[in-house]
PDB file of N, CA and C in Angstrom:
ATOM      1  N   MET A   1     125.226 120.347 115.698  1.00  0.00           N
ATOM      2  CA  MET A   1     124.818 119.541 114.580  1.00  0.00           C
ATOM      3  C   MET A   1     125.709 118.328 114.369  1.00  0.00           C
ATOM      4  N   ASP A   2     126.600 118.066 115.273  1.00  0.00           N
ATOM      5  CA  ASP A   2     127.462 116.896 115.159  1.00  0.00           C
ATOM      6  C   ASP A   2     126.948 115.741 115.999  1.00  0.00           C
ATOM      7  N   THR A   3     125.690 115.782 116.386  1.00  0.00           N
ATOM      8  CA  THR A   3     125.110 114.727 117.194  1.00  0.00           C
ATOM      9  C   THR A   3     124.875 113.502 116.333  1.00  0.00           C
ATOM     10  N   LYS A   4     125.383 112.382 116.790  1.00  0.00           N
ATOM     11  CA  LYS A   4     125.183 111.136 116.045  1.00  0.00           C
ATOM     12  C   LYS A   4     123.799 110.577 116.350  1.00  0.00           C
ATOM     13  N   TYR A   5     123.187 110.000 115.329  1.00  0.00           N
ATOM     14  CA  TYR A   5     121.867 109.401 115.467  1.00  0.00           C
ATOM     15  C   TYR A   5     121.955 107.937 115.095  1.00  0.00           C
ATOM     16  N   ASP A   6     121.401 107.091 115.947  1.00  0.00           N
ATOM     17  CA  ASP A   6     121.398 105.661 115.688  1.00  0.00           C
ATOM     18  C   ASP A   6     120.163 105.307 114.854  1.00  0.00           C
ATOM     19  N   PHE A   7     120.367 105.017 113.593  1.00  0.00           N
ATOM     20  CA  PHE A   7     119.280 104.638 112.704  1.00  0.00           C
ATOM     21  C   PHE A   7     118.904 103.170 112.856  1.00  0.00           C
ATOM     22  N   GLY A   8     119.562 102.465 113.729  1.00  0.00           N
ATOM     23  CA  GLY A   8     119.328 101.035 113.858  1.00  0.00           C
ATOM     24  C   GLY A   8     120.031 100.309 112.732  1.00  0.00           C
ATOM     25  N   ASN A   9     119.779  99.057 112.614  1.00  0.00           N
ATOM     26  CA  ASN A   9     120.411  98.268 111.572  1.00  0.00           C
ATOM     27  C   ASN A   9     119.503  98.225 110.355  1.00  0.00           C
ATOM     28  N   ILE A  10     119.683  99.183 109.437  1.00  0.00           N
ATOM     29  CA  ILE A  10     118.806  99.237 108.264  1.00  0.00           C
ATOM     30  C   ILE A  10     119.066  98.096 107.296  1.00  0.00           C
ATOM     31  N   GLU A  11     120.162  97.395 107.494  1.00  0.00           N
ATOM     32  CA  GLU A  11     120.447  96.250 106.628  1.00  0.00           C
ATOM     33  C   GLU A  11     119.463  95.114 106.857  1.00  0.00           C
ATOM     34  N   ASP A  12     118.759  95.145 107.995  1.00  0.00           N
ATOM     35  CA  ASP A  12     117.774  94.116 108.290  1.00  0.00           C
ATOM     36  C   ASP A  12     116.478  94.333 107.518  1.00  0.00           C
ATOM     37  N   ARG A  13     116.306  95.501 106.930  1.00  0.00           N
ATOM     38  CA  ARG A  13     115.081  95.831 106.215  1.00  0.00           C
ATOM     39  C   ARG A  13     115.340  95.807 104.715  1.00  0.00           C
ATOM     40  N   ALA A  14     114.585  95.003 104.020  1.00  0.00           N
ATOM     41  CA  ALA A  14     114.722  94.914 102.567  1.00  0.00           C
ATOM     42  C   ALA A  14     114.204  96.201 101.924  1.00  0.00           C
ATOM     43  N   ILE A  15     114.911  96.697 100.942  1.00  0.00           N
ATOM     44  CA  ILE A  15     114.462  97.867 100.194  1.00  0.00           C
ATOM     45  C   ILE A  15     113.462  97.413  99.135  1.00  0.00           C
ATOM     46  N   VAL A  16     112.367  98.145  99.031  1.00  0.00           N
ATOM     47  CA  VAL A  16     111.389  97.919  97.974  1.00  0.00           C
ATOM     48  C   VAL A  16     111.130  99.255  97.283  1.00  0.00           C
ATOM     49  N   TYR A  17     110.737  99.175  96.028  1.00  0.00           N
ATOM     50  CA  TYR A  17     110.506 100.361  95.224  1.00  0.00           C
ATOM     51  C   TYR A  17     109.018 100.548  94.982  1.00  0.00           C
ATOM     52  N   VAL A  18     108.560 101.775  95.163  1.00  0.00           N
ATOM     53  CA  VAL A  18     107.150 102.112  94.952  1.00  0.00           C
ATOM     54  C   VAL A  18     107.072 103.009  93.723  1.00  0.00           C
ATOM     55  N   ARG A  19     106.207 102.634  92.783  1.00  0.00           N
ATOM     56  CA  ARG A  19     106.067 103.452  91.574  1.00  0.00           C
ATOM     57  C   ARG A  19     104.615 103.456  91.118  1.00  0.00           C
ATOM     58  N   PRO A  20     104.212 104.559  90.486  1.00  0.00           N
ATOM     59  CA  PRO A  20     102.849 104.620  89.957  1.00  0.00           C
ATOM     60  C   PRO A  20     102.704 103.741  88.716  1.00  0.00           C
ATOM     61  N   VAL A  21     101.506 103.202  88.541  1.00  0.00           N
ATOM     62  CA  VAL A  21     101.195 102.354  87.388  1.00  0.00           C
ATOM     63  C   VAL A  21      99.887 102.861  86.798  1.00  0.00           C
ATOM     64  N   ASN A  22      99.867 103.141  85.505  1.00  0.00           N
ATOM     65  CA  ASN A  22      98.626 103.521  84.829  1.00  0.00           C
ATOM     66  C   ASN A  22      97.720 102.305  84.711  1.00  0.00           C
ATOM     67  N   VAL A  23      96.490 102.456  85.136  1.00  0.00           N
ATOM     68  CA  VAL A  23      95.538 101.351  85.079  1.00  0.00           C
ATOM     69  C   VAL A  23      95.372 100.855  83.647  1.00  0.00           C
ATOM     70  N   GLU A  24      95.433 101.753  82.673  1.00  0.00           N
ATOM     71  CA  GLU A  24      95.250 101.341  81.271  1.00  0.00           C
ATOM     72  C   GLU A  24      96.363 100.415  80.788  1.00  0.00           C
ATOM     73  N   ASP A  25      97.482 100.355  81.517  1.00  0.00           N
ATOM     74  CA  ASP A  25      98.584  99.467  81.138  1.00  0.00           C
ATOM     75  C   ASP A  25      98.448  98.064  81.739  1.00  0.00           C
ATOM     76  N   LEU A  26      97.441  97.857  82.557  1.00  0.00           N
ATOM     77  CA  LEU A  26      97.238  96.561  83.210  1.00  0.00           C
ATOM     78  C   LEU A  26      96.405  95.645  82.330  1.00  0.00           C
ATOM     79  N   PRO A  27      96.492  94.335  82.577  1.00  0.00           N
ATOM     80  CA  PRO A  27      95.633  93.392  81.837  1.00  0.00           C
ATOM     81  C   PRO A  27      94.150  93.695  82.093  1.00  0.00           C
ATOM     82  N   GLU A  28      93.324  93.361  81.139  1.00  0.00           N
ATOM     83  CA  GLU A  28      91.898  93.687  81.209  1.00  0.00           C
ATOM     84  C   GLU A  28      91.230  93.175  82.482  1.00  0.00           C
ATOM     85  N   ASP A  29      91.541  91.947  82.897  1.00  0.00           N
ATOM     86  CA  ASP A  29      90.892  91.397  84.085  1.00  0.00           C
ATOM     87  C   ASP A  29      91.234  92.201  85.343  1.00  0.00           C
ATOM     88  N   MET A  30      92.406  92.799  85.393  1.00  0.00           N
ATOM     89  CA  MET A  30      92.778  93.645  86.532  1.00  0.00           C
ATOM     90  C   MET A  30      92.092  95.007  86.439  1.00  0.00           C
ATOM     91  N   ARG A  31      91.989  95.545  85.232  1.00  0.00           N
ATOM     92  CA  ARG A  31      91.344  96.852  85.048  1.00  0.00           C
ATOM     93  C   ARG A  31      89.894  96.811  85.510  1.00  0.00           C
ATOM     94  N   GLU A  32      89.232  95.691  85.296  1.00  0.00           N
ATOM     95  CA  GLU A  32      87.825  95.550  85.685  1.00  0.00           C
ATOM     96  C   GLU A  32      87.648  95.630  87.196  1.00  0.00           C
ATOM     97  N   GLN A  33      88.685  95.310  87.952  1.00  0.00           N
ATOM     98  CA  GLN A  33      88.586  95.262  89.408  1.00  0.00           C
ATOM     99  C   GLN A  33      88.870  96.591  90.101  1.00  0.00           C
ATOM    100  N   VAL A  34      89.433  97.571  89.397  1.00  0.00           N
ATOM    101  CA  VAL A  34      89.864  98.804  90.065  1.00  0.00           C
ATOM    102  C   VAL A  34      88.839  99.931  90.014  1.00  0.00           C
ATOM    103  N   GLY A  35      87.739  99.720  89.359  1.00  0.00           N
ATOM    104  CA  GLY A  35      86.706 100.749  89.318  1.00  0.00           C
ATOM    105  C   GLY A  35      87.136 101.952  88.504  1.00  0.00           C
ATOM    106  N   ASP A  36      86.953 103.151  89.070  1.00  0.00           N
ATOM    107  CA  ASP A  36      87.235 104.377  88.327  1.00  0.00           C
ATOM    108  C   ASP A  36      88.637 104.938  88.553  1.00  0.00           C
ATOM    109  N   LEU A  37      89.515 104.199  89.208  1.00  0.00           N
ATOM    110  CA  LEU A  37      90.887 104.666  89.434  1.00  0.00           C
ATOM    111  C   LEU A  37      91.652 104.702  88.115  1.00  0.00           C
ATOM    112  N   THR A  38      92.526 105.674  87.976  1.00  0.00           N
ATOM    113  CA  THR A  38      93.354 105.753  86.763  1.00  0.00           C
ATOM    114  C   THR A  38      94.806 105.388  87.051  1.00  0.00           C
ATOM    115  N   THR A  39      95.190 105.449  88.335  1.00  0.00           N
ATOM    116  CA  THR A  39      96.558 105.121  88.733  1.00  0.00           C
ATOM    117  C   THR A  39      96.540 104.245  89.974  1.00  0.00           C
ATOM    118  N   LEU A  40      97.371 103.222  89.973  1.00  0.00           N
ATOM    119  CA  LEU A  40      97.616 102.389  91.150  1.00  0.00           C
ATOM    120  C   LEU A  40      99.098 102.518  91.491  1.00  0.00           C
ATOM    121  N   TYR A  41      99.506 101.947  92.611  1.00  0.00           N
ATOM    122  CA  TYR A  41     100.915 101.978  93.001  1.00  0.00           C
ATOM    123  C   TYR A  41     101.420 100.560  93.209  1.00  0.00           C
ATOM    124  N   ALA A  42     102.545 100.282  92.581  1.00  0.00           N
ATOM    125  CA  ALA A  42     103.159  98.960  92.660  1.00  0.00           C
ATOM    126  C   ALA A  42     104.325  98.992  93.635  1.00  0.00           C
ATOM    127  N   VAL A  43     104.482  97.901  94.360  1.00  0.00           N
ATOM    128  CA  VAL A  43     105.631  97.702  95.247  1.00  0.00           C
ATOM    129  C   VAL A  43     106.463  96.599  94.616  1.00  0.00           C
ATOM    130  N   HIS A  44     107.732  96.905  94.334  1.00  0.00           N
ATOM    131  CA  HIS A  44     108.621  95.969  93.658  1.00  0.00           C
ATOM    132  C   HIS A  44     109.837  95.642  94.523  1.00  0.00           C
ATOM    133  N   SER A  45     110.321  94.410  94.414  1.00  0.00           N
ATOM    134  CA  SER A  45     111.570  94.027  95.071  1.00  0.00           C
ATOM    135  C   SER A  45     112.740  94.639  94.310  1.00  0.00           C
ATOM    136  N   THR A  46     113.931  94.544  94.862  1.00  0.00           N
ATOM    137  CA  THR A  46     115.110  95.071  94.178  1.00  0.00           C
ATOM    138  C   THR A  46     115.425  94.283  92.918  1.00  0.00           C
ATOM    139  N   GLU A  47     114.866  93.071  92.780  1.00  0.00           N
ATOM    140  CA  GLU A  47     115.058  92.265  91.581  1.00  0.00           C
ATOM    141  C   GLU A  47     114.013  92.585  90.507  1.00  0.00           C
ATOM    142  N   GLY A  48     113.063  93.481  90.828  1.00  0.00           N
ATOM    143  CA  GLY A  48     112.051  93.877  89.862  1.00  0.00           C
ATOM    144  C   GLY A  48     110.736  93.129  89.963  1.00  0.00           C
ATOM    145  N   GLU A  49     110.625  92.185  90.860  1.00  0.00           N
ATOM    146  CA  GLU A  49     109.393  91.416  91.017  1.00  0.00           C
ATOM    147  C   GLU A  49     108.312  92.281  91.663  1.00  0.00           C
ATOM    148  N   ARG A  50     107.118  92.307  91.057  1.00  0.00           N
ATOM    149  CA  ARG A  50     106.005  93.052  91.649  1.00  0.00           C
ATOM    150  C   ARG A  50     105.474  92.262  92.829  1.00  0.00           C
ATOM    151  N   LEU A  51     105.511  92.899  93.999  1.00  0.00           N
ATOM    152  CA  LEU A  51     105.067  92.249  95.221  1.00  0.00           C
ATOM    153  C   LEU A  51     103.625  92.595  95.563  1.00  0.00           C
ATOM    154  N   ALA A  52     103.221  93.803  95.189  1.00  0.00           N
ATOM    155  CA  ALA A  52     101.859  94.240  95.508  1.00  0.00           C
ATOM    156  C   ALA A  52     101.440  95.352  94.565  1.00  0.00           C
ATOM    157  N   LEU A  53     100.132  95.511  94.456  1.00  0.00           N
ATOM    158  CA  LEU A  53      99.543  96.575  93.661  1.00  0.00           C
ATOM    159  C   LEU A  53      98.404  97.137  94.508  1.00  0.00           C
ATOM    160  N   VAL A  54      98.499  98.420  94.877  1.00  0.00           N
ATOM    161  CA  VAL A  54      97.523  99.009  95.798  1.00  0.00           C
ATOM    162  C   VAL A  54      96.978 100.323  95.249  1.00  0.00           C
ATOM    163  N   ARG A  55      95.960 100.847  95.892  1.00  0.00           N
ATOM    164  CA  ARG A  55      95.229 101.999  95.366  1.00  0.00           C
ATOM    165  C   ARG A  55      95.940 103.333  95.485  1.00  0.00           C
ATOM    166  N   ASP A  56      96.838 103.515  96.484  1.00  0.00           N
ATOM    167  CA  ASP A  56      97.504 104.813  96.598  1.00  0.00           C
ATOM    168  C   ASP A  56      98.902 104.674  97.193  1.00  0.00           C
ATOM    169  N   ARG A  57      99.692 105.730  97.040  1.00  0.00           N
ATOM    170  CA  ARG A  57     101.095 105.736  97.461  1.00  0.00           C
ATOM    171  C   ARG A  57     101.227 105.538  98.973  1.00  0.00           C
ATOM    172  N   LYS A  58     100.364 106.198  99.725  1.00  0.00           N
ATOM    173  CA  LYS A  58     100.410 106.092 101.186  1.00  0.00           C
ATOM    174  C   LYS A  58     100.221 104.641 101.626  1.00  0.00           C
ATOM    175  N   LEU A  59      99.280 103.950 101.010  1.00  0.00           N
ATOM    176  CA  LEU A  59      99.032 102.550 101.338  1.00  0.00           C
ATOM    177  C   LEU A  59     100.221 101.670 100.947  1.00  0.00           C
ATOM    178  N   ALA A  60     100.861 101.985  99.828  1.00  0.00           N
ATOM    179  CA  ALA A  60     102.041 101.216  99.399  1.00  0.00           C
ATOM    180  C   ALA A  60     103.160 101.326 100.435  1.00  0.00           C
ATOM    181  N   PHE A  61     103.407 102.538 100.927  1.00  0.00           N
ATOM    182  CA  PHE A  61     104.448 102.733 101.934  1.00  0.00           C
ATOM    183  C   PHE A  61     104.076 102.047 103.249  1.00  0.00           C
ATOM    184  N   LEU A  62     102.818 102.153 103.640  1.00  0.00           N
ATOM    185  CA  LEU A  62     102.350 101.507 104.863  1.00  0.00           C
ATOM    186  C   LEU A  62     102.504  99.991 104.774  1.00  0.00           C
ATOM    187  N   LEU A  63     102.098  99.427 103.670  1.00  0.00           N
ATOM    188  CA  LEU A  63     102.205  97.985 103.447  1.00  0.00           C
ATOM    189  C   LEU A  63     103.660  97.517 103.546  1.00  0.00           C
ATOM    190  N   ALA A  64     104.547  98.256 102.902  1.00  0.00           N
ATOM    191  CA  ALA A  64     105.969  97.896 102.937  1.00  0.00           C
ATOM    192  C   ALA A  64     106.508  97.940 104.365  1.00  0.00           C
ATOM    193  N   ARG A  65     106.226  99.011 105.071  1.00  0.00           N
ATOM    194  CA  ARG A  65     106.748  99.158 106.447  1.00  0.00           C
ATOM    195  C   ARG A  65     106.164  98.116 107.391  1.00  0.00           C
ATOM    196  N   GLN A  66     104.895  97.768 107.206  1.00  0.00           N
ATOM    197  CA  GLN A  66     104.279  96.741 108.051  1.00  0.00           C
ATOM    198  C   GLN A  66     104.916  95.372 107.827  1.00  0.00           C
ATOM    199  N   ASN A  67     105.561  95.202 106.682  1.00  0.00           N
ATOM    200  CA  ASN A  67     106.221  93.947 106.360  1.00  0.00           C
ATOM    201  C   ASN A  67     107.737  94.047 106.487  1.00  0.00           C
ATOM    202  N   ASN A  68     108.169  94.998 107.316  1.00  0.00           N
ATOM    203  CA  ASN A  68     109.588  95.182 107.648  1.00  0.00           C
ATOM    204  C   ASN A  68     110.438  95.449 106.406  1.00  0.00           C
ATOM    205  N   MET A  69     109.904  96.263 105.490  1.00  0.00           N
ATOM    206  CA  MET A  69     110.620  96.647 104.289  1.00  0.00           C
ATOM    207  C   MET A  69     110.804  98.169 104.283  1.00  0.00           C
ATOM    208  N   GLU A  70     111.815  98.625 103.595  1.00  0.00           N
ATOM    209  CA  GLU A  70     112.111 100.052 103.495  1.00  0.00           C
ATOM    210  C   GLU A  70     111.719 100.550 102.107  1.00  0.00           C
ATOM    211  N   PRO A  71     110.568 101.275 102.000  1.00  0.00           N
ATOM    212  CA  PRO A  71     110.105 101.726 100.690  1.00  0.00           C
ATOM    213  C   PRO A  71     110.817 102.992 100.214  1.00  0.00           C
ATOM    214  N   VAL A  72     111.091 103.046  98.914  1.00  0.00           N
ATOM    215  CA  VAL A  72     111.615 104.242  98.272  1.00  0.00           C
ATOM    216  C   VAL A  72     110.838 104.456  96.977  1.00  0.00           C
ATOM    217  N   THR A  73     110.697 105.719  96.598  1.00  0.00           N
ATOM    218  CA  THR A  73     109.941 106.051  95.389  1.00  0.00           C
ATOM    219  C   THR A  73     110.836 106.008  94.163  1.00  0.00           C
ATOM    220  N   VAL A  74     110.319 105.478  93.076  1.00  0.00           N
ATOM    221  CA  VAL A  74     110.998 105.555  91.783  1.00  0.00           C
ATOM    222  C   VAL A  74     110.003 106.122  90.786  1.00  0.00           C
ATOM    223  N   HIS A  75     110.521 106.709  89.720  1.00  0.00           N
ATOM    224  CA  HIS A  75     109.644 107.338  88.717  1.00  0.00           C
ATOM    225  C   HIS A  75     109.721 106.584  87.423  1.00  0.00           C
TER     226      HIS A  75
END
């Protein structure tokens, strides 16, 4: 169990935070676009800026990784 593993240079990947968002907390014009969903998932930068809003957690993580970002969950 003392085998070293090369994780690569994780400093090259920006950390982003993924968190659930209640649709009822969104502006009305956004609520009209989501149909019958009650929860969406937001991807935020470390500075708190919302970068994306998607339909599910899996898609949020996929989106982040496709854009060379390291997603982590926050509650």
